[in-house]
């Protein structure tokens, strides 16, 4: 299908209008899902409490965000407000905060 799209410049032109933020978010989700899928395959077992996608996302997204922030250029970090530089400019802190947010707020398990 992608090969056929090469013969239609109008289709390629439409794809070029997709904002880069949307493309970045989609790629981030895909990479996080791939990390989660790899963890599911690595930890699959015969126990009753199998590794789930939410657990993989809780691990994958903080790893990805922490890595992105760790390799972010200093010129980008200099654009942050002074009060947020120590938090948003440190890959470890971003990873820990995102892991805690995902685990305790977004994917919180309700006790029945």
PDB file of N, CA and C in Angstrom:
ATOM      1  N   UNK A   1       0.820  -1.181   0.000  1.00  0.00           N
ATOM      2  CA  UNK A   1       0.000   0.000   0.000  1.00  0.00           C
ATOM      3  C   UNK A   1       0.876   1.262   0.000  1.00  0.00           C
ATOM      4  N   UNK A   2       1.949   1.226   0.766  1.00  0.00           N
ATOM      5  CA  UNK A   2       2.846   2.375   0.788  1.00  0.00           C
ATOM      6  C   UNK A   2       3.514   2.531  -0.572  1.00  0.00           C
ATOM      7  N   UNK A   3       3.831   1.418  -1.211  1.00  0.00           N
ATOM      8  CA  UNK A   3       4.426   1.479  -2.549  1.00  0.00           C
ATOM      9  C   UNK A   3       3.481   2.105  -3.559  1.00  0.00           C
ATOM     10  N   UNK A   4       2.199   1.810  -3.456  1.00  0.00           N
ATOM     11  CA  UNK A   4       1.217   2.407  -4.361  1.00  0.00           C
ATOM     12  C   UNK A   4       1.050   3.899  -4.120  1.00  0.00           C
ATOM     13  N   UNK A   5       1.203   4.322  -2.870  1.00  0.00           N
ATOM     14  CA  UNK A   5       1.085   5.742  -2.559  1.00  0.00           C
ATOM     15  C   UNK A   5       2.177   6.560  -3.237  1.00  0.00           C
ATOM     16  N   UNK A   6       3.305   5.940  -3.565  1.00  0.00           N
ATOM     17  CA  UNK A   6       4.395   6.655  -4.220  1.00  0.00           C
ATOM     18  C   UNK A   6       3.997   7.149  -5.599  1.00  0.00           C
ATOM     19  N   UNK A   7       2.996   6.517  -6.211  1.00  0.00           N
ATOM     20  CA  UNK A   7       2.555   6.928  -7.549  1.00  0.00           C
ATOM     21  C   UNK A   7       1.488   8.024  -7.509  1.00  0.00           C
ATOM     22  N   UNK A   8       1.083   8.444  -6.333  1.00  0.00           N
ATOM     23  CA  UNK A   8       0.059   9.482  -6.188  1.00  0.00           C
ATOM     24  C   UNK A   8       0.614  10.647  -5.359  1.00  0.00           C
ATOM     25  N   UNK A   9       1.160  11.653  -6.027  1.00  0.00           N
ATOM     26  CA  UNK A   9       1.746  12.783  -5.285  1.00  0.00           C
ATOM     27  C   UNK A   9       0.740  13.523  -4.406  1.00  0.00           C
ATOM     28  N   UNK A  10      -0.525  13.505  -4.771  1.00  0.00           N
ATOM     29  CA  UNK A  10      -1.523  14.188  -3.939  1.00  0.00           C
ATOM     30  C   UNK A  10      -1.665  13.507  -2.574  1.00  0.00           C
ATOM     31  N   UNK A  11      -1.562  12.194  -2.530  1.00  0.00           N
ATOM     32  CA  UNK A  11      -1.636  11.467  -1.256  1.00  0.00           C
ATOM     33  C   UNK A  11      -0.423  11.800  -0.396  1.00  0.00           C
ATOM     34  N   UNK A  12       0.737  11.859  -1.021  1.00  0.00           N
ATOM     35  CA  UNK A  12       1.948  12.212  -0.292  1.00  0.00           C
ATOM     36  C   UNK A  12       1.843  13.645   0.222  1.00  0.00           C
ATOM     37  N   UNK A  13       1.234  14.525  -0.555  1.00  0.00           N
ATOM     38  CA  UNK A  13       1.029  15.898  -0.119  1.00  0.00           C
ATOM     39  C   UNK A  13       0.122  15.993   1.084  1.00  0.00           C
ATOM     40  N   UNK A  14      -0.910  15.156   1.120  1.00  0.00           N
ATOM     41  CA  UNK A  14      -1.812  15.143   2.278  1.00  0.00           C
ATOM     42  C   UNK A  14      -1.076  14.657   3.521  1.00  0.00           C
ATOM     43  N   UNK A  15      -0.252  13.649   3.363  1.00  0.00           N
ATOM     44  CA  UNK A  15       0.517  13.124   4.502  1.00  0.00           C
ATOM     45  C   UNK A  15       1.491  14.180   5.016  1.00  0.00           C
ATOM     46  N   UNK A  16       2.006  15.019   4.133  1.00  0.00           N
ATOM     47  CA  UNK A  16       2.957  16.054   4.545  1.00  0.00           C
ATOM     48  C   UNK A  16       2.306  17.107   5.438  1.00  0.00           C
ATOM     49  N   UNK A  17       0.983  17.217   5.418  1.00  0.00           N
ATOM     50  CA  UNK A  17       0.281  18.191   6.256  1.00  0.00           C
ATOM     51  C   UNK A  17       0.070  17.730   7.696  1.00  0.00           C
ATOM     52  N   UNK A  18       0.412  16.498   7.990  1.00  0.00           N
ATOM     53  CA  UNK A  18       0.271  16.009   9.364  1.00  0.00           C
ATOM     54  C   UNK A  18       1.298  16.723  10.231  1.00  0.00           C
ATOM     55  N   UNK A  19       0.877  17.368  11.316  1.00  0.00           N
ATOM     56  CA  UNK A  19       1.829  18.102  12.167  1.00  0.00           C
ATOM     57  C   UNK A  19       2.883  17.169  12.762  1.00  0.00           C
ATOM     58  N   UNK A  20       4.082  17.698  12.928  1.00  0.00           N
ATOM     59  CA  UNK A  20       5.178  16.879  13.454  1.00  0.00           C
ATOM     60  C   UNK A  20       4.923  16.435  14.891  1.00  0.00           C
ATOM     61  N   UNK A  21       4.144  17.204  15.639  1.00  0.00           N
ATOM     62  CA  UNK A  21       3.808  16.811  17.014  1.00  0.00           C
ATOM     63  C   UNK A  21       2.961  15.538  16.994  1.00  0.00           C
ATOM     64  N   UNK A  22       2.040  15.448  16.057  1.00  0.00           N
ATOM     65  CA  UNK A  22       1.185  14.258  15.950  1.00  0.00           C
ATOM     66  C   UNK A  22       2.035  13.053  15.563  1.00  0.00           C
ATOM     67  N   UNK A  23       2.937  13.234  14.615  1.00  0.00           N
ATOM     68  CA  UNK A  23       3.817  12.137  14.197  1.00  0.00           C
ATOM     69  C   UNK A  23       4.696  11.702  15.373  1.00  0.00           C
ATOM     70  N   UNK A  24       5.210  12.661  16.136  1.00  0.00           N
ATOM     71  CA  UNK A  24       6.034  12.336  17.296  1.00  0.00           C
ATOM     72  C   UNK A  24       5.271  11.566  18.357  1.00  0.00           C
ATOM     73  N   UNK A  25       4.031  11.972  18.613  1.00  0.00           N
ATOM     74  CA  UNK A  25       3.203  11.263  19.607  1.00  0.00           C
ATOM     75  C   UNK A  25       2.884   9.846  19.162  1.00  0.00           C
ATOM     76  N   UNK A  26       2.580   9.683  17.889  1.00  0.00           N
ATOM     77  CA  UNK A  26       2.280   8.341  17.366  1.00  0.00           C
ATOM     78  C   UNK A  26       3.517   7.456  17.457  1.00  0.00           C
ATOM     79  N   UNK A  27       4.678   7.986  17.087  1.00  0.00           N
ATOM     80  CA  UNK A  27       5.903   7.196  17.177  1.00  0.00           C
ATOM     81  C   UNK A  27       6.255   6.858  18.622  1.00  0.00           C
ATOM     82  N   UNK A  28       6.025   7.786  19.535  1.00  0.00           N
ATOM     83  CA  UNK A  28       6.277   7.508  20.949  1.00  0.00           C
ATOM     84  C   UNK A  28       5.387   6.372  21.443  1.00  0.00           C
ATOM     85  N   UNK A  29       4.112   6.416  21.071  1.00  0.00           N
ATOM     86  CA  UNK A  29       3.209   5.341  21.490  1.00  0.00           C
ATOM     87  C   UNK A  29       3.620   4.005  20.868  1.00  0.00           C
ATOM     88  N   UNK A  30       4.008   4.018  19.603  1.00  0.00           N
ATOM     89  CA  UNK A  30       4.423   2.775  18.950  1.00  0.00           C
ATOM     90  C   UNK A  30       5.675   2.210  19.610  1.00  0.00           C
ATOM     91  N   UNK A  31       6.655   3.062  19.898  1.00  0.00           N
ATOM     92  CA  UNK A  31       7.869   2.580  20.570  1.00  0.00           C
ATOM     93  C   UNK A  31       7.569   2.042  21.966  1.00  0.00           C
ATOM     94  N   UNK A  32       6.701   2.737  22.688  1.00  0.00           N
ATOM     95  CA  UNK A  32       6.318   2.271  24.018  1.00  0.00           C
ATOM     96  C   UNK A  32       5.583   0.937  23.933  1.00  0.00           C
ATOM     97  N   UNK A  33       4.721   0.788  22.956  1.00  0.00           N
ATOM     98  CA  UNK A  33       4.002  -0.481  22.778  1.00  0.00           C
ATOM     99  C   UNK A  33       4.948  -1.604  22.400  1.00  0.00           C
ATOM    100  N   UNK A  34       5.978  -1.301  21.618  1.00  0.00           N
ATOM    101  CA  UNK A  34       6.952  -2.335  21.268  1.00  0.00           C
ATOM    102  C   UNK A  34       7.746  -2.777  22.491  1.00  0.00           C
ATOM    103  N   UNK A  35       8.107  -1.828  23.357  1.00  0.00           N
ATOM    104  CA  UNK A  35       8.784  -2.195  24.603  1.00  0.00           C
ATOM    105  C   UNK A  35       7.868  -3.074  25.446  1.00  0.00           C
ATOM    106  N   UNK A  36       6.602  -2.688  25.547  1.00  0.00           N
ATOM    107  CA  UNK A  36       5.634  -3.469  26.324  1.00  0.00           C
ATOM    108  C   UNK A  36       5.462  -4.864  25.736  1.00  0.00           C
ATOM    109  N   UNK A  37       5.381  -4.959  24.409  1.00  0.00           N
ATOM    110  CA  UNK A  37       5.226  -6.278  23.770  1.00  0.00           C
ATOM    111  C   UNK A  37       6.449  -7.153  24.022  1.00  0.00           C
ATOM    112  N   UNK A  38       7.625  -6.556  23.969  1.00  0.00           N
ATOM    113  CA  UNK A  38       8.841  -7.316  24.264  1.00  0.00           C
ATOM    114  C   UNK A  38       8.868  -7.815  25.696  1.00  0.00           C
ATOM    115  N   UNK A  39       8.424  -6.986  26.627  1.00  0.00           N
ATOM    116  CA  UNK A  39       8.378  -7.413  28.021  1.00  0.00           C
ATOM    117  C   UNK A  39       7.332  -8.500  28.241  1.00  0.00           C
ATOM    118  N   UNK A  40       6.218  -8.407  27.534  1.00  0.00           N
ATOM    119  CA  UNK A  40       5.190  -9.442  27.653  1.00  0.00           C
ATOM    120  C   UNK A  40       5.731 -10.780  27.170  1.00  0.00           C
ATOM    121  N   UNK A  41       6.446 -10.760  26.044  1.00  0.00           N
ATOM    122  CA  UNK A  41       7.025 -12.001  25.518  1.00  0.00           C
ATOM    123  C   UNK A  41       8.102 -12.524  26.460  1.00  0.00           C
ATOM    124  N   UNK A  42       8.928 -11.630  26.996  1.00  0.00           N
ATOM    125  CA  UNK A  42      10.021 -12.056  27.872  1.00  0.00           C
ATOM    126  C   UNK A  42       9.527 -12.647  29.182  1.00  0.00           C
ATOM    127  N   UNK A  43       8.424 -12.112  29.700  1.00  0.00           N
ATOM    128  CA  UNK A  43       7.948 -12.546  31.009  1.00  0.00           C
ATOM    129  C   UNK A  43       6.687 -13.389  30.943  1.00  0.00           C
ATOM    130  N   UNK A  44       6.359 -13.909  29.789  1.00  0.00           N
ATOM    131  CA  UNK A  44       5.164 -14.746  29.732  1.00  0.00           C
ATOM    132  C   UNK A  44       5.452 -16.046  30.460  1.00  0.00           C
ATOM    133  N   UNK A  45       4.492 -16.479  31.157  1.00  0.00           N
ATOM    134  CA  UNK A  45       4.660 -17.687  31.943  1.00  0.00           C
ATOM    135  C   UNK A  45       3.321 -18.350  32.143  1.00  0.00           C
ATOM    136  N   UNK A  46       3.321 -19.306  33.018  1.00  0.00           N
ATOM    137  CA  UNK A  46       2.098 -20.041  33.255  1.00  0.00           C
ATOM    138  C   UNK A  46       1.452 -19.651  34.567  1.00  0.00           C
ATOM    139  N   UNK A  47       1.971 -18.576  35.180  1.00  0.00           N
ATOM    140  CA  UNK A  47       1.359 -18.115  36.412  1.00  0.00           C
ATOM    141  C   UNK A  47       0.034 -17.453  36.098  1.00  0.00           C
ATOM    142  N   UNK A  48      -0.781 -17.304  37.096  1.00  0.00           N
ATOM    143  CA  UNK A  48      -2.075 -16.667  36.905  1.00  0.00           C
ATOM    144  C   UNK A  48      -1.965 -15.164  36.685  1.00  0.00           C
ATOM    145  N   UNK A  49      -0.936 -14.522  37.266  1.00  0.00           N
ATOM    146  CA  UNK A  49      -0.765 -13.081  37.143  1.00  0.00           C
ATOM    147  C   UNK A  49       0.204 -12.797  36.001  1.00  0.00           C
ATOM    148  N   UNK A  50      -0.271 -12.849  34.778  1.00  0.00           N
ATOM    149  CA  UNK A  50       0.570 -12.642  33.607  1.00  0.00           C
ATOM    150  C   UNK A  50       0.914 -11.167  33.442  1.00  0.00           C
ATOM    151  N   UNK A  51       2.029 -10.923  32.793  1.00  0.00           N
ATOM    152  CA  UNK A  51       2.467  -9.562  32.499  1.00  0.00           C
ATOM    153  C   UNK A  51       1.497  -8.956  31.502  1.00  0.00           C
ATOM    154  N   UNK A  52       1.004  -7.746  31.788  1.00  0.00           N
ATOM    155  CA  UNK A  52      -0.025  -7.135  30.946  1.00  0.00           C
ATOM    156  C   UNK A  52       0.528  -5.925  30.213  1.00  0.00           C
ATOM    157  N   UNK A  53      -0.241  -5.446  29.235  1.00  0.00           N
ATOM    158  CA  UNK A  53       0.160  -4.305  28.433  1.00  0.00           C
ATOM    159  C   UNK A  53       0.334  -3.057  29.298  1.00  0.00           C
ATOM    160  N   UNK A  54      -0.560  -2.823  30.242  1.00  0.00           N
ATOM    161  CA  UNK A  54      -0.443  -1.641  31.109  1.00  0.00           C
ATOM    162  C   UNK A  54       0.866  -1.645  31.883  1.00  0.00           C
ATOM    163  N   UNK A  55       1.288  -2.810  32.329  1.00  0.00           N
ATOM    164  CA  UNK A  55       2.562  -2.904  33.045  1.00  0.00           C
ATOM    165  C   UNK A  55       3.724  -2.577  32.117  1.00  0.00           C
ATOM    166  N   UNK A  56       3.637  -3.045  30.890  1.00  0.00           N
ATOM    167  CA  UNK A  56       4.681  -2.744  29.913  1.00  0.00           C
ATOM    168  C   UNK A  56       4.724  -1.278  29.548  1.00  0.00           C
ATOM    169  N   UNK A  57       3.556  -0.653  29.434  1.00  0.00           N
ATOM    170  CA  UNK A  57       3.514   0.780  29.148  1.00  0.00           C
ATOM    171  C   UNK A  57       4.070   1.583  30.315  1.00  0.00           C
ATOM    172  N   UNK A  58       3.808   1.112  31.538  1.00  0.00           N
ATOM    173  CA  UNK A  58       4.312   1.783  32.732  1.00  0.00           C
ATOM    174  C   UNK A  58       5.836   1.718  32.796  1.00  0.00           C
ATOM    175  N   UNK A  59       6.415   0.705  32.222  1.00  0.00           N
ATOM    176  CA  UNK A  59       7.875   0.590  32.180  1.00  0.00           C
ATOM    177  C   UNK A  59       8.434   1.279  30.937  1.00  0.00           C
ATOM    178  N   UNK A  60       7.803   1.064  29.794  1.00  0.00           N
ATOM    179  CA  UNK A  60       8.342   1.543  28.520  1.00  0.00           C
ATOM    180  C   UNK A  60       8.344   3.046  28.348  1.00  0.00           C
ATOM    181  N   UNK A  61       7.253   3.717  28.705  1.00  0.00           N
ATOM    182  CA  UNK A  61       7.178   5.164  28.499  1.00  0.00           C
ATOM    183  C   UNK A  61       8.183   5.931  29.355  1.00  0.00           C
ATOM    184  N   UNK A  62       8.336   5.619  30.645  1.00  0.00           N
ATOM    185  CA  UNK A  62       9.364   6.333  31.412  1.00  0.00           C
ATOM    186  C   UNK A  62      10.785   6.100  30.884  1.00  0.00           C
ATOM    187  N   UNK A  63      11.071   4.893  30.434  1.00  0.00           N
ATOM    188  CA  UNK A  63      12.396   4.625  29.860  1.00  0.00           C
ATOM    189  C   UNK A  63      12.606   5.480  28.614  1.00  0.00           C
ATOM    190  N   UNK A  64      11.599   5.540  27.770  1.00  0.00           N
ATOM    191  CA  UNK A  64      11.695   6.322  26.545  1.00  0.00           C
ATOM    192  C   UNK A  64      11.798   7.815  26.842  1.00  0.00           C
ATOM    193  N   UNK A  65      10.964   8.328  27.731  1.00  0.00           N
ATOM    194  CA  UNK A  65      11.011   9.755  28.071  1.00  0.00           C
ATOM    195  C   UNK A  65      12.332  10.125  28.741  1.00  0.00           C
ATOM    196  N   UNK A  66      12.799   9.290  29.645  1.00  0.00           N
ATOM    197  CA  UNK A  66      14.079   9.561  30.304  1.00  0.00           C
ATOM    198  C   UNK A  66      15.240   9.578  29.325  1.00  0.00           C
ATOM    199  N   UNK A  67      15.215   8.685  28.353  1.00  0.00           N
ATOM    200  CA  UNK A  67      16.264   8.647  27.339  1.00  0.00           C
ATOM    201  C   UNK A  67      16.217   9.881  26.448  1.00  0.00           C
ATOM    202  N   UNK A  68      15.016  10.284  26.051  1.00  0.00           N
ATOM    203  CA  UNK A  68      14.872  11.475  25.203  1.00  0.00           C
ATOM    204  C   UNK A  68      15.379  12.708  25.939  1.00  0.00           C
ATOM    205  N   UNK A  69      15.014  12.859  27.194  1.00  0.00           N
ATOM    206  CA  UNK A  69      15.436  14.030  27.963  1.00  0.00           C
ATOM    207  C   UNK A  69      16.944  13.997  28.207  1.00  0.00           C
ATOM    208  N   UNK A  70      17.503  12.824  28.429  1.00  0.00           N
ATOM    209  CA  UNK A  70      18.943  12.718  28.676  1.00  0.00           C
ATOM    210  C   UNK A  70      19.756  13.168  27.468  1.00  0.00           C
ATOM    211  N   UNK A  71      19.242  12.954  26.268  1.00  0.00           N
ATOM    212  CA  UNK A  71      19.967  13.330  25.059  1.00  0.00           C
ATOM    213  C   UNK A  71      19.457  14.631  24.441  1.00  0.00           C
ATOM    214  N   UNK A  72      18.624  15.359  25.171  1.00  0.00           N
ATOM    215  CA  UNK A  72      18.100  16.625  24.676  1.00  0.00           C
ATOM    216  C   UNK A  72      19.216  17.676  24.650  1.00  0.00           C
ATOM    217  N   UNK A  73      19.297  18.469  23.574  1.00  0.00           N
ATOM    218  CA  UNK A  73      20.341  19.499  23.517  1.00  0.00           C
ATOM    219  C   UNK A  73      20.168  20.550  24.620  1.00  0.00           C
ATOM    220  N   UNK A  74      21.276  21.114  25.057  1.00  0.00           N
ATOM    221  CA  UNK A  74      21.242  22.131  26.115  1.00  0.00           C
ATOM    222  C   UNK A  74      20.473  23.371  25.666  1.00  0.00           C
ATOM    223  N   UNK A  75      20.470  23.635  24.364  1.00  0.00           N
ATOM    224  CA  UNK A  75      19.728  24.803  23.875  1.00  0.00           C
ATOM    225  C   UNK A  75      18.225  24.652  24.097  1.00  0.00           C
ATOM    226  N   UNK A  76      17.730  23.435  24.054  1.00  0.00           N
ATOM    227  CA  UNK A  76      16.308  23.195  24.319  1.00  0.00           C
ATOM    228  C   UNK A  76      16.026  23.349  25.810  1.00  0.00           C
ATOM    229  N   UNK A  77      16.897  22.830  26.638  1.00  0.00           N
ATOM    230  CA  UNK A  77      16.708  22.925  28.090  1.00  0.00           C
ATOM    231  C   UNK A  77      16.780  24.385  28.540  1.00  0.00           C
ATOM    232  N   UNK A  78      17.569  25.192  27.862  1.00  0.00           N
ATOM    233  CA  UNK A  78      17.669  26.612  28.222  1.00  0.00           C
ATOM    234  C   UNK A  78      16.379  27.380  27.966  1.00  0.00           C
ATOM    235  N   UNK A  79      15.487  26.834  27.150  1.00  0.00           N
ATOM    236  CA  UNK A  79      14.211  27.512  26.889  1.00  0.00           C
ATOM    237  C   UNK A  79      13.187  27.268  27.995  1.00  0.00           C
ATOM    238  N   UNK A  80      13.439  26.306  28.897  1.00  0.00           N
ATOM    239  CA  UNK A  80      12.519  26.012  29.987  1.00  0.00           C
ATOM    240  C   UNK A  80      12.572  27.129  31.019  1.00  0.00           C
ATOM    241  N   UNK A  81      11.466  27.372  31.728  1.00  0.00           N
ATOM    242  CA  UNK A  81      11.526  28.320  32.851  1.00  0.00           C
ATOM    243  C   UNK A  81      12.525  27.833  33.898  1.00  0.00           C
ATOM    244  N   UNK A  82      13.150  28.771  34.586  1.00  0.00           N
ATOM    245  CA  UNK A  82      14.223  28.454  35.533  1.00  0.00           C
ATOM    246  C   UNK A  82      13.760  27.474  36.606  1.00  0.00           C
ATOM    247  N   UNK A  83      12.531  27.612  37.059  1.00  0.00           N
ATOM    248  CA  UNK A  83      12.046  26.747  38.136  1.00  0.00           C
ATOM    249  C   UNK A  83      11.873  25.286  37.678  1.00  0.00           C
ATOM    250  N   UNK A  84      11.652  25.058  36.363  1.00  0.00           N
ATOM    251  CA  UNK A  84      11.435  23.702  35.862  1.00  0.00           C
ATOM    252  C   UNK A  84      12.690  23.045  35.294  1.00  0.00           C
ATOM    253  N   UNK A  85      13.776  23.776  35.127  1.00  0.00           N
ATOM    254  CA  UNK A  85      14.995  23.207  34.540  1.00  0.00           C
ATOM    255  C   UNK A  85      15.534  22.004  35.304  1.00  0.00           C
ATOM    256  N   UNK A  86      15.614  22.051  36.650  1.00  0.00           N
ATOM    257  CA  UNK A  86      16.140  20.872  37.348  1.00  0.00           C
ATOM    258  C   UNK A  86      15.249  19.640  37.204  1.00  0.00           C
ATOM    259  N   UNK A  87      13.969  19.844  37.001  1.00  0.00           N
ATOM    260  CA  UNK A  87      13.037  18.715  36.899  1.00  0.00           C
ATOM    261  C   UNK A  87      12.964  18.212  35.467  1.00  0.00           C
ATOM    262  N   UNK A  88      12.686  19.109  34.525  1.00  0.00           N
ATOM    263  CA  UNK A  88      12.487  18.701  33.135  1.00  0.00           C
ATOM    264  C   UNK A  88      13.789  18.501  32.369  1.00  0.00           C
ATOM    265  N   UNK A  89      14.908  18.946  32.927  1.00  0.00           N
ATOM    266  CA  UNK A  89      16.183  18.786  32.256  1.00  0.00           C
ATOM    267  C   UNK A  89      16.958  17.561  32.687  1.00  0.00           C
ATOM    268  N   UNK A  90      16.421  16.782  33.604  1.00  0.00           N
ATOM    269  CA  UNK A  90      17.093  15.595  34.123  1.00  0.00           C
ATOM    270  C   UNK A  90      16.309  14.356  33.691  1.00  0.00           C
ATOM    271  N   UNK A  91      16.944  13.496  32.910  1.00  0.00           N
ATOM    272  CA  UNK A  91      16.270  12.305  32.390  1.00  0.00           C
ATOM    273  C   UNK A  91      15.813  11.358  33.472  1.00  0.00           C
ATOM    274  N   UNK A  92      16.610  11.227  34.528  1.00  0.00           N
ATOM    275  CA  UNK A  92      16.235  10.332  35.625  1.00  0.00           C
ATOM    276  C   UNK A  92      14.975  10.831  36.319  1.00  0.00           C
ATOM    277  N   UNK A  93      14.927  12.124  36.600  1.00  0.00           N
ATOM    278  CA  UNK A  93      13.764  12.690  37.290  1.00  0.00           C
ATOM    279  C   UNK A  93      12.515  12.575  36.417  1.00  0.00           C
ATOM    280  N   UNK A  94      12.642  12.861  35.133  1.00  0.00           N
ATOM    281  CA  UNK A  94      11.496  12.744  34.225  1.00  0.00           C
ATOM    282  C   UNK A  94      11.015  11.296  34.175  1.00  0.00           C
ATOM    283  N   UNK A  95      11.939  10.345  34.129  1.00  0.00           N
ATOM    284  CA  UNK A  95      11.557   8.936  34.108  1.00  0.00           C
ATOM    285  C   UNK A  95      10.844   8.499  35.379  1.00  0.00           C
ATOM    286  N   UNK A  96      11.372   8.919  36.529  1.00  0.00           N
ATOM    287  CA  UNK A  96      10.756   8.537  37.805  1.00  0.00           C
ATOM    288  C   UNK A  96       9.380   9.180  37.957  1.00  0.00           C
ATOM    289  N   UNK A  97       9.267  10.470  37.644  1.00  0.00           N
ATOM    290  CA  UNK A  97       7.977  11.152  37.773  1.00  0.00           C
ATOM    291  C   UNK A  97       6.951  10.543  36.824  1.00  0.00           C
ATOM    292  N   UNK A  98       7.357  10.237  35.594  1.00  0.00           N
ATOM    293  CA  UNK A  98       6.392   9.638  34.661  1.00  0.00           C
ATOM    294  C   UNK A  98       6.015   8.220  35.094  1.00  0.00           C
ATOM    295  N   UNK A  99       6.960   7.460  35.639  1.00  0.00           N
ATOM    296  CA  UNK A  99       6.633   6.114  36.126  1.00  0.00           C
ATOM    297  C   UNK A  99       5.662   6.172  37.301  1.00  0.00           C
ATOM    298  N   UNK A 100       5.903   7.091  38.216  1.00  0.00           N
ATOM    299  CA  UNK A 100       5.004   7.227  39.365  1.00  0.00           C
ATOM    300  C   UNK A 100       3.619   7.701  38.924  1.00  0.00           C
ATOM    301  N   UNK A 101       3.582   8.616  37.969  1.00  0.00           N
ATOM    302  CA  UNK A 101       2.295   9.092  37.461  1.00  0.00           C
ATOM    303  C   UNK A 101       1.523   7.972  36.781  1.00  0.00           C
ATOM    304  N   UNK A 102       2.203   7.201  35.939  1.00  0.00           N
ATOM    305  CA  UNK A 102       1.526   6.107  35.251  1.00  0.00           C
ATOM    306  C   UNK A 102       1.058   5.038  36.232  1.00  0.00           C
ATOM    307  N   UNK A 103       1.900   4.704  37.201  1.00  0.00           N
ATOM    308  CA  UNK A 103       1.571   3.606  38.108  1.00  0.00           C
ATOM    309  C   UNK A 103       0.504   3.981  39.128  1.00  0.00           C
ATOM    310  N   UNK A 104       0.580   5.189  39.671  1.00  0.00           N
ATOM    311  CA  UNK A 104      -0.307   5.534  40.780  1.00  0.00           C
ATOM    312  C   UNK A 104      -1.522   6.365  40.393  1.00  0.00           C
ATOM    313  N   UNK A 105      -1.517   6.939  39.192  1.00  0.00           N
ATOM    314  CA  UNK A 105      -2.660   7.770  38.801  1.00  0.00           C
ATOM    315  C   UNK A 105      -3.376   7.198  37.584  1.00  0.00           C
ATOM    316  N   UNK A 106      -2.641   6.951  36.515  1.00  0.00           N
ATOM    317  CA  UNK A 106      -3.294   6.553  35.262  1.00  0.00           C
ATOM    318  C   UNK A 106      -3.692   5.080  35.267  1.00  0.00           C
ATOM    319  N   UNK A 107      -2.775   4.199  35.616  1.00  0.00           N
ATOM    320  CA  UNK A 107      -3.065   2.751  35.585  1.00  0.00           C
ATOM    321  C   UNK A 107      -3.269   2.176  36.982  1.00  0.00           C
ATOM    322  N   UNK A 108      -3.825   2.948  37.879  1.00  0.00           N
ATOM    323  CA  UNK A 108      -4.045   2.496  39.254  1.00  0.00           C
ATOM    324  C   UNK A 108      -5.059   1.359  39.266  1.00  0.00           C
ATOM    325  N   UNK A 109      -4.733   0.328  40.010  1.00  0.00           N
ATOM    326  CA  UNK A 109      -5.627  -0.817  40.141  1.00  0.00           C
ATOM    327  C   UNK A 109      -6.593  -0.564  41.286  1.00  0.00           C
ATOM    328  N   UNK A 110      -7.842  -0.800  41.026  1.00  0.00           N
ATOM    329  CA  UNK A 110      -8.862  -0.631  42.063  1.00  0.00           C
ATOM    330  C   UNK A 110      -8.970  -1.927  42.858  1.00  0.00           C
ATOM    331  N   UNK A 111      -8.922  -1.812  44.166  1.00  0.00           N
ATOM    332  CA  UNK A 111      -9.090  -2.981  45.029  1.00  0.00           C
ATOM    333  C   UNK A 111     -10.574  -3.255  45.209  1.00  0.00           C
ATOM    334  N   UNK A 112     -10.981  -4.467  44.920  1.00  0.00           N
ATOM    335  CA  UNK A 112     -12.399  -4.832  45.050  1.00  0.00           C
ATOM    336  C   UNK A 112     -12.661  -5.457  46.384  1.00  0.00           C
TER     337      UNK A 112
END
